[in-house]
Amino acid sequence: MIDYRVAGPIQAHELAALFESAGLARPTHDLGRMRRMIDGADLLVSAWNGDKLVGIARAISDGCFACYLPDLAVDADYKGHGVGRHLLELVRESIGPEVMLVLLAVPDATEFYERLGFERYADAFIVRRLT
């Protein structure tokens, strides 16, 4: 049984382990940075199986116009069971109808997001981080 939580405590080592299992390229070796990623989020929606973190949606938002979703991660053993879909539903519910949800998808995930109603947007730009 998966327990979904909006907010709630998440430890840096739990987030790092989830990112590694999910295959997300994040600085998991730097637990201080993992902690800052948790603390800097405006919204954290998490999925738990007992005391194991099995999914996370980490969002940054102004609360009235736009919300950026830098991380949607699901533990490899839980992919394909609706965890990511449910995390996104809870994010959308939390931010409300007047806020658009924006994300950058890895190529393997584009079909997943399209199935959930996300629209491809060709005019996105990024300046890559140095570290």
Protein backbone atom coordinates (compact mmCIF):
# COMPACT_ATOMS: atom_id res chain seq x y z
CA MET A 1 0.00 0.00 0.00
CA ILE A 2 1.40 3.38 -1.04
CA ASP A 3 0.94 6.34 1.31
CA TYR A 4 0.98 9.74 -0.44
CA ARG A 5 1.95 12.84 1.51
CA VAL A 6 1.89 16.53 0.68
CA ALA A 7 4.78 18.04 2.64
CA GLY A 8 6.23 16.04 5.51
CA PRO A 9 9.82 15.34 6.41
CA ILE A 10 12.21 13.85 3.87
CA GLN A 11 15.83 13.10 4.68
CA ALA A 12 18.63 13.91 2.24
CA HIS A 13 19.83 10.30 2.11
CA GLU A 14 16.28 9.12 1.29
CA LEU A 15 16.04 11.55 -1.63
CA ALA A 16 19.50 10.55 -2.86
CA ALA A 17 18.63 6.83 -2.77
CA LEU A 18 15.38 7.49 -4.65
CA PHE A 19 17.13 9.50 -7.37
CA GLU A 20 19.69 6.73 -7.79
CA SER A 21 17.01 4.03 -8.04
CA ALA A 22 14.94 6.12 -10.44
CA GLY A 23 17.95 6.75 -12.68
CA LEU A 24 17.84 10.55 -12.38
CA ALA A 25 21.16 12.31 -12.84
CA ARG A 26 21.36 14.30 -9.64
CA PRO A 27 24.29 15.08 -7.30
CA THR A 28 23.37 12.24 -4.95
CA HIS A 29 26.91 12.07 -3.54
CA ASP A 30 26.42 15.57 -2.06
CA LEU A 31 23.92 15.18 0.79
CA GLY A 32 24.19 18.87 1.64
CA ARG A 33 22.97 19.73 -1.83
CA MET A 34 20.21 17.10 -1.54
CA ARG A 35 19.13 18.84 1.68
CA ARG A 36 19.06 22.22 -0.07
CA MET A 37 16.95 20.71 -2.86
CA ILE A 38 14.42 19.59 -0.26
CA ASP A 39 14.47 22.85 1.67
CA GLY A 40 14.25 25.00 -1.47
CA ALA A 41 11.10 23.35 -2.80
CA ASP A 42 7.78 25.14 -2.42
CA LEU A 43 5.90 21.85 -2.69
CA LEU A 44 6.97 18.29 -1.98
CA VAL A 45 4.60 15.43 -2.74
CA SER A 46 5.97 12.07 -1.74
CA ALA A 47 5.02 8.40 -2.01
CA TRP A 48 5.96 5.94 0.72
CA ASN A 49 5.80 2.21 1.16
CA GLY A 50 6.15 1.91 4.92
CA ASP A 51 9.25 3.90 5.78
CA LYS A 52 10.73 3.74 2.27
CA LEU A 53 10.50 6.78 -0.01
CA VAL A 54 9.36 5.38 -3.38
CA GLY A 55 8.36 8.55 -5.23
CA ILE A 56 8.74 12.32 -5.16
CA ALA A 57 7.40 15.33 -7.01
CA ARG A 58 9.44 18.41 -6.11
CA ALA A 59 8.04 21.76 -7.25
CA ILE A 60 8.98 25.44 -7.20
CA SER A 61 6.17 27.94 -7.70
CA ASP A 62 5.04 31.55 -7.35
CA GLY A 63 1.63 30.18 -6.35
CA CYS A 64 -0.39 32.16 -8.86
CA PHE A 65 0.92 31.73 -12.40
CA ALA A 66 3.63 29.14 -12.89
CA CYS A 67 5.02 26.08 -11.18
CA TYR A 68 8.24 24.39 -12.27
CA LEU A 69 8.61 20.68 -11.57
CA PRO A 70 12.35 19.95 -11.51
CA ASP A 71 11.90 16.41 -10.19
CA LEU A 72 9.44 13.61 -10.66
CA ALA A 73 11.12 10.41 -9.55
CA VAL A 74 9.77 6.93 -8.91
CA ASP A 75 11.79 4.04 -7.49
CA ALA A 76 12.58 1.50 -10.21
CA ASP A 77 10.61 -1.23 -8.40
CA TYR A 78 7.46 0.94 -8.41
CA LYS A 79 7.49 2.27 -11.98
CA GLY A 80 4.49 1.30 -14.05
CA HIS A 81 2.14 1.14 -11.05
CA GLY A 82 0.65 4.65 -11.27
CA VAL A 83 2.87 6.26 -8.64
CA GLY A 84 4.16 9.04 -10.93
CA ARG A 85 0.66 9.69 -12.28
CA HIS A 86 -0.74 10.01 -8.75
CA LEU A 87 2.10 12.30 -7.64
CA LEU A 88 1.35 14.60 -10.59
CA GLU A 89 -2.38 14.59 -9.78
CA LEU A 90 -1.58 15.70 -6.23
CA VAL A 91 0.73 18.44 -7.50
CA ARG A 92 -1.96 19.71 -9.90
CA GLU A 93 -4.53 19.62 -7.09
CA SER A 94 -2.17 21.49 -4.75
CA ILE A 95 -1.25 24.28 -7.17
CA GLY A 96 -4.80 24.86 -8.42
CA PRO A 97 -6.26 25.61 -11.84
CA GLU A 98 -4.75 29.06 -12.41
CA VAL A 99 -1.15 27.82 -12.22
CA MET A 100 0.55 26.21 -15.23
CA LEU A 101 2.87 23.28 -14.60
CA VAL A 102 6.19 23.36 -16.47
CA LEU A 103 8.89 20.70 -16.63
CA LEU A 104 11.84 19.52 -18.67
CA ALA A 105 11.46 15.85 -19.54
CA VAL A 106 14.18 13.35 -20.24
CA PRO A 107 13.65 11.81 -23.70
CA ASP A 108 12.49 8.47 -22.27
CA ALA A 109 9.64 10.19 -20.39
CA THR A 110 8.10 12.33 -23.12
CA GLU A 111 5.37 9.83 -24.00
CA PHE A 112 4.44 9.48 -20.31
CA TYR A 113 3.89 13.23 -19.99
CA GLU A 114 1.98 13.45 -23.25
CA ARG A 115 -0.39 10.68 -22.08
CA LEU A 116 -1.08 12.76 -18.97
CA GLY A 117 -2.07 15.81 -21.01
CA PHE A 118 1.20 17.74 -21.03
CA GLU A 119 1.77 19.72 -24.19
CA ARG A 120 5.18 19.80 -25.89
CA TYR A 121 6.58 23.29 -26.04
CA ALA A 122 9.42 23.83 -28.48
CA ASP A 123 10.58 27.26 -27.32
CA ALA A 124 12.16 26.31 -24.01
CA PHE A 125 15.68 27.48 -23.23
CA ILE A 126 18.17 26.58 -20.53
CA VAL A 127 21.58 27.68 -19.35
CA ARG A 128 23.30 24.55 -18.04
CA ARG A 129 24.72 24.50 -14.53
CA LEU A 130 28.47 24.33 -14.16
CA THR A 131 28.47 21.73 -11.34
